[in-house]
Amino acid sequence: MQVLLVYALGIGIWGLEVVKAELTCDPPPVYNRTVIASGHDREEYPLGSNVTYRCDFGYASDVVIGSSRCILSKSNGKAEWTEPLIRCKPRSCGDPGFVSNAQRIGSLFTFPNSVQYECEDGYEIHGLSTRYCLASGSWSGTLPTCKKIHCGVPANPENGQAIYSSTEYEAEVKYRCNEGYSLSNKQPRICTGDGTWSGVQPVCTEGLCEAPVAPENGMIVIKPSVPRIGSIVSYACHEGFRLQGSDSARCLETGEWTFPAPKCLR
């Protein structure tokens, strides 16, 4: 309401006149999870003005469009907006699904939540581990898979062989050397969770025994001529002498002969 001071020209008297100003509403409020769809592109909102609301992206309501009207409040005589009958809730994307040999982390299947997949020990993930519930109500991407970890075929050491039945996680590989060679490390290697074999590959080294010496008044014969692992040395005495001890010995992987050199006695 406005009060104006006026002058009556005919009679030259000043007076007061009451003029009622038009009531208007403030700009319409913005509610959580909603956007104003129409009716908000004006400078003033006189009584009877209407605006409509809809749910923001990623949210939905049983009522697609909610309207609000500028009215005169009976309680306080002011211009106010009615509350729109729209309740926006996050869209549901539904259950995203489970992955074999994996754990799913996350139990909220509505926008804008996400779930994550973690493979069990011995498995590695193929694809994206995280899926997001989109504003459209669908899950991003596709379900990943968890595949068994493989360490690849172990190489054979030079002059040796790798022995294994599987290359999967926790599989074991052992090594052996060709005859005449000894293994530097007899510990088996294990396929680990990072897809590699534990430890280092052993090597096969040529095993030699100390060259045997013929006993006094005797002779030796070595087959083969180099005293490597598996070689056999034979002993014999000259005529008129007899052998005391073993007449042969074998070169072991330890680099020792199975028997000490014998003696030739009369």
Protein backbone atom coordinates (compact mmCIF):
# COMPACT_ATOMS: atom_id res chain seq x y z
CA MET A 1 0.00 0.00 0.00
CA GLN A 2 1.24 3.47 -0.92
CA VAL A 3 0.15 6.85 0.54
CA LEU A 4 0.38 9.82 -1.88
CA LEU A 5 0.26 13.57 -1.14
CA VAL A 6 -2.05 15.18 -3.76
CA TYR A 7 -3.16 18.78 -4.60
CA ALA A 8 -6.69 19.56 -5.68
CA LEU A 9 -6.36 22.11 -8.46
CA GLY A 10 -9.88 23.41 -8.32
CA ILE A 11 -9.99 24.28 -4.67
CA GLY A 12 -6.28 24.58 -3.82
CA ILE A 13 -6.32 21.99 -1.03
CA TRP A 14 -3.62 19.42 -0.26
CA GLY A 15 -4.75 15.95 0.79
CA LEU A 16 -3.75 12.32 1.24
CA GLU A 17 -4.75 9.49 -1.11
CA VAL A 18 -4.24 5.79 -0.49
CA VAL A 19 -3.09 3.77 -3.52
CA LYS A 20 -2.84 0.00 -3.40
CA ALA A 21 0.35 -1.34 -5.05
CA GLU A 22 0.11 -4.65 -6.97
CA LEU A 23 1.48 -7.58 -4.96
CA THR A 24 4.17 -9.75 -6.58
CA CYS A 25 6.04 -12.89 -5.60
CA ASP A 26 9.77 -13.14 -5.27
CA PRO A 27 11.55 -15.20 -7.95
CA PRO A 28 10.43 -18.85 -7.62
CA PRO A 29 12.57 -20.99 -5.30
CA VAL A 30 14.75 -23.83 -6.55
CA TYR A 31 14.11 -27.13 -4.81
CA ASN A 32 16.60 -29.91 -4.27
CA ARG A 33 16.93 -32.28 -7.25
CA THR A 34 14.57 -30.15 -9.39
CA VAL A 35 14.90 -27.52 -12.10
CA ILE A 36 12.38 -24.90 -13.19
CA ALA A 37 11.04 -25.99 -16.56
CA SER A 38 8.97 -22.96 -17.59
CA GLY A 39 7.49 -19.66 -16.48
CA HIS A 40 10.61 -18.25 -14.85
CA ASP A 41 11.81 -15.99 -17.68
CA ARG A 42 10.26 -12.72 -16.42
CA GLU A 43 11.21 -9.81 -14.19
CA GLU A 44 8.09 -9.76 -12.01
CA TYR A 45 5.69 -12.42 -10.80
CA PRO A 46 2.25 -10.93 -10.13
CA LEU A 47 -0.49 -12.86 -8.37
CA GLY A 48 -1.65 -15.77 -10.52
CA SER A 49 1.75 -16.37 -12.14
CA ASN A 50 2.65 -20.02 -12.74
CA VAL A 51 5.96 -21.84 -13.00
CA THR A 52 6.56 -25.55 -13.60
CA TYR A 53 9.22 -27.84 -12.18
CA ARG A 54 10.70 -31.08 -13.42
CA CYS A 55 13.27 -33.45 -11.93
CA ASP A 56 16.91 -32.78 -12.61
CA PHE A 57 18.90 -35.29 -14.67
CA GLY A 58 19.39 -38.53 -12.76
CA TYR A 59 16.22 -38.13 -10.73
CA ALA A 60 12.60 -39.15 -11.27
CA SER A 61 9.15 -38.63 -9.74
CA ASP A 62 5.71 -40.17 -10.02
CA VAL A 63 4.60 -36.70 -11.09
CA VAL A 64 6.46 -35.73 -14.26
CA ILE A 65 5.73 -32.00 -13.99
CA GLY A 66 4.98 -30.05 -10.82
CA SER A 67 3.44 -26.58 -10.92
CA SER A 68 3.61 -23.68 -8.47
CA ARG A 69 1.33 -20.61 -8.41
CA CYS A 70 1.83 -17.16 -6.96
CA ILE A 71 -1.06 -16.60 -4.51
CA LEU A 72 -2.08 -14.25 -1.71
CA SER A 73 -1.44 -15.96 1.60
CA LYS A 74 -4.48 -15.95 3.86
CA SER A 75 -2.28 -16.19 6.94
CA ASN A 76 -0.06 -13.16 6.41
CA GLY A 77 -1.51 -11.31 3.43
CA LYS A 78 1.70 -11.64 1.42
CA ALA A 79 2.28 -13.00 -2.06
CA GLU A 80 3.76 -16.51 -1.85
CA TRP A 81 4.42 -19.49 -4.07
CA THR A 82 2.52 -22.72 -3.56
CA GLU A 83 4.69 -25.80 -3.10
CA PRO A 84 4.90 -27.95 -6.24
CA LEU A 85 3.66 -31.51 -5.79
CA ILE A 86 6.78 -33.17 -7.16
CA ARG A 87 9.21 -35.35 -5.19
CA CYS A 88 12.35 -36.26 -7.09
CA LYS A 89 14.23 -39.39 -6.11
CA PRO A 90 17.49 -40.78 -7.55
CA ARG A 91 16.98 -43.04 -10.55
CA SER A 92 17.65 -46.73 -9.93
CA CYS A 93 19.98 -48.61 -12.24
CA GLY A 94 19.04 -52.01 -10.83
CA ASP A 95 21.43 -54.70 -9.69
CA PRO A 96 24.69 -54.38 -11.68
CA GLY A 97 25.44 -58.11 -11.40
CA PHE A 98 28.15 -60.25 -9.84
CA VAL A 99 31.48 -61.40 -11.29
CA SER A 100 32.82 -64.91 -10.73
CA ASN A 101 35.90 -65.06 -8.50
CA ALA A 102 35.45 -61.43 -7.46
CA GLN A 103 34.09 -59.36 -4.61
CA ARG A 104 31.60 -56.58 -5.31
CA ILE A 105 32.03 -53.40 -3.24
CA GLY A 106 29.06 -51.03 -3.00
CA SER A 107 25.38 -51.64 -2.26
CA LEU A 108 23.67 -48.45 -3.52
CA PHE A 109 22.33 -48.91 -7.05
CA THR A 110 20.98 -45.40 -7.63
CA PHE A 111 22.35 -42.32 -9.38
CA PRO A 112 25.14 -41.16 -8.90
CA ASN A 113 26.59 -44.12 -6.97
CA SER A 114 29.09 -46.71 -8.19
CA VAL A 115 30.18 -50.28 -7.52
CA GLN A 116 33.66 -51.74 -7.73
CA TYR A 117 34.89 -55.27 -8.40
CA GLU A 118 38.02 -56.80 -6.87
CA CYS A 119 39.30 -60.18 -8.05
CA GLU A 120 40.21 -62.91 -5.57
CA ASP A 121 43.83 -63.91 -5.03
CA GLY A 122 45.20 -65.65 -8.08
CA TYR A 123 42.94 -63.80 -10.50
CA GLU A 124 43.38 -60.60 -12.45
CA ILE A 125 40.67 -58.27 -13.72
CA HIS A 126 39.94 -57.80 -17.41
CA GLY A 127 37.91 -54.71 -18.21
CA LEU A 128 37.01 -51.71 -16.02
CA SER A 129 36.80 -52.47 -12.31
CA THR A 130 34.28 -49.68 -11.54
CA ARG A 131 30.76 -49.17 -12.93
CA TYR A 132 28.74 -45.98 -12.43
CA CYS A 133 24.98 -45.57 -12.19
CA LEU A 134 24.24 -42.98 -14.89
CA ALA A 135 21.55 -40.30 -15.01
CA SER A 136 19.81 -42.38 -17.69
CA GLY A 137 19.21 -45.19 -15.17
CA SER A 138 21.71 -47.59 -16.71
CA TRP A 139 25.15 -48.79 -15.64
CA SER A 140 28.27 -47.61 -17.41
CA GLY A 141 30.36 -50.09 -19.36
CA THR A 142 30.01 -53.85 -19.07
CA LEU A 143 30.78 -56.38 -16.37
CA PRO A 144 34.51 -57.16 -16.10
CA THR A 145 35.85 -60.69 -15.78
CA CYS A 146 38.39 -62.23 -13.42
CA LYS A 147 40.76 -64.62 -15.13
CA LYS A 148 43.28 -66.97 -13.58
CA ILE A 149 46.77 -65.52 -13.38
CA HIS A 150 49.36 -67.25 -15.56
CA CYS A 151 53.12 -66.90 -15.21
CA GLY A 152 54.00 -68.09 -18.68
CA VAL A 153 56.11 -71.06 -19.71
CA PRO A 154 59.31 -71.24 -17.62
CA ALA A 155 62.49 -71.43 -19.68
CA ASN A 156 64.77 -74.44 -19.61
CA PRO A 157 68.20 -73.75 -18.14
CA GLU A 158 71.12 -74.46 -20.43
CA ASN A 159 72.02 -78.14 -20.09
CA GLY A 160 68.84 -78.71 -18.07
CA GLN A 161 65.08 -78.90 -18.09
CA ALA A 162 62.15 -77.15 -16.33
CA ILE A 163 59.57 -79.61 -14.98
CA TYR A 164 56.00 -78.36 -14.41
CA SER A 165 52.37 -79.35 -14.97
CA SER A 166 50.74 -75.91 -14.90
CA THR A 167 51.62 -72.22 -15.27
CA GLU A 168 48.65 -70.92 -13.22
CA TYR A 169 48.78 -69.09 -9.90
CA GLU A 170 50.56 -71.10 -7.16
CA ALA A 171 51.79 -73.70 -9.66
CA GLU A 172 55.30 -75.08 -9.04
CA VAL A 173 58.23 -75.59 -11.35
CA LYS A 174 61.26 -77.73 -10.57
CA TYR A 175 64.50 -78.11 -12.50
CA ARG A 176 66.90 -80.89 -13.30
CA CYS A 177 70.21 -80.93 -15.14
CA ASN A 178 71.56 -83.20 -17.80
CA GLU A 179 73.95 -85.92 -16.74
CA GLY A 180 77.31 -84.48 -15.83
CA TYR A 181 75.84 -81.17 -14.59
CA SER A 182 74.73 -80.01 -11.18
CA LEU A 183 71.90 -77.62 -10.25
CA SER A 184 72.86 -74.35 -8.58
CA ASN A 185 69.59 -74.18 -6.59
CA LYS A 186 67.18 -77.04 -6.00
CA GLN A 187 64.38 -74.89 -4.52
CA PRO A 188 61.20 -74.98 -6.67
CA ARG A 189 59.81 -71.72 -8.05
CA ILE A 190 56.16 -70.67 -7.48
CA CYS A 191 53.81 -68.73 -9.76
CA THR A 192 53.01 -65.56 -7.79
CA GLY A 193 50.06 -63.16 -7.80
CA ASP A 194 51.86 -60.64 -10.02
CA GLY A 195 52.22 -63.17 -12.83
CA THR A 196 55.92 -63.95 -12.36
CA TRP A 197 57.83 -66.97 -11.09
CA SER A 198 59.37 -66.53 -7.67
CA GLY A 199 63.14 -66.52 -7.18
CA VAL A 200 65.60 -66.78 -10.03
CA GLN A 201 66.16 -69.49 -12.58
CA PRO A 202 68.89 -71.90 -11.49
CA VAL A 203 71.80 -72.79 -13.72
CA CYS A 204 73.34 -76.11 -14.57
CA THR A 205 77.08 -76.15 -14.14
CA GLU A 206 79.38 -78.91 -15.22
CA GLY A 207 80.26 -80.94 -12.15
CA LEU A 208 83.89 -82.07 -11.84
CA CYS A 209 85.61 -84.23 -9.30
CA GLU A 210 89.23 -83.85 -8.39
CA ALA A 211 91.38 -85.71 -10.90
CA PRO A 212 92.18 -89.12 -9.41
CA VAL A 213 95.82 -90.17 -8.93
CA ALA A 214 97.01 -93.67 -9.65
CA PRO A 215 98.12 -95.50 -6.51
CA GLU A 216 101.77 -96.26 -6.10
CA ASN A 217 102.56 -99.44 -8.03
CA GLY A 218 99.19 -99.17 -9.76
CA MET A 219 97.26 -97.57 -12.62
CA ILE A 220 93.88 -95.95 -13.33
CA VAL A 221 91.40 -95.79 -16.20
CA ILE A 222 88.76 -92.96 -16.31
CA LYS A 223 85.67 -93.09 -18.49
CA PRO A 224 85.12 -90.49 -19.83
CA SER A 225 88.58 -89.05 -19.61
CA VAL A 226 87.39 -85.83 -17.86
CA PRO A 227 86.30 -86.57 -14.27
CA ARG A 228 82.83 -85.01 -14.48
CA ILE A 229 79.71 -86.13 -12.63
CA GLY A 230 78.95 -89.72 -13.46
CA SER A 231 82.50 -90.55 -14.56
CA ILE A 232 83.90 -93.85 -13.31
CA VAL A 233 87.52 -94.44 -12.41
CA SER A 234 88.90 -97.98 -12.29
CA TYR A 235 92.03 -99.02 -10.36
CA ALA A 236 94.47 -101.87 -11.00
CA CYS A 237 97.82 -102.87 -9.51
CA HIS A 238 101.01 -103.87 -11.24
CA GLU A 239 101.98 -107.52 -11.36
CA GLY A 240 103.03 -108.75 -7.97
CA PHE A 241 100.80 -106.27 -6.07
CA ARG A 242 97.31 -106.67 -4.75
CA LEU A 243 94.60 -104.03 -4.43
CA GLN A 244 93.51 -102.87 -1.00
CA GLY A 245 90.17 -100.99 -1.23
CA SER A 246 87.57 -100.53 -3.95
CA ASP A 247 88.65 -101.16 -7.52
CA SER A 248 86.36 -98.37 -8.82
CA ALA A 249 84.70 -95.10 -7.80
CA ARG A 250 82.03 -92.83 -9.24
CA CYS A 251 82.08 -89.00 -9.39
CA LEU A 252 79.07 -87.64 -7.48
CA GLU A 253 77.15 -84.36 -7.85
CA THR A 254 78.86 -83.19 -4.69
CA GLY A 255 82.19 -83.26 -6.51
CA GLU A 256 83.42 -86.21 -4.50
CA TRP A 257 84.28 -89.78 -5.40
CA THR A 258 82.21 -92.57 -3.91
CA PHE A 259 85.35 -94.28 -2.55
CA PRO A 260 88.84 -93.11 -1.71
CA ALA A 261 91.71 -94.23 -3.88
CA PRO A 262 92.89 -97.78 -2.97
CA LYS A 263 96.44 -98.91 -2.29
CA CYS A 264 98.59 -101.48 -4.06
CA LEU A 265 100.37 -103.75 -1.58
CA ARG A 266 102.66 -106.75 -2.00
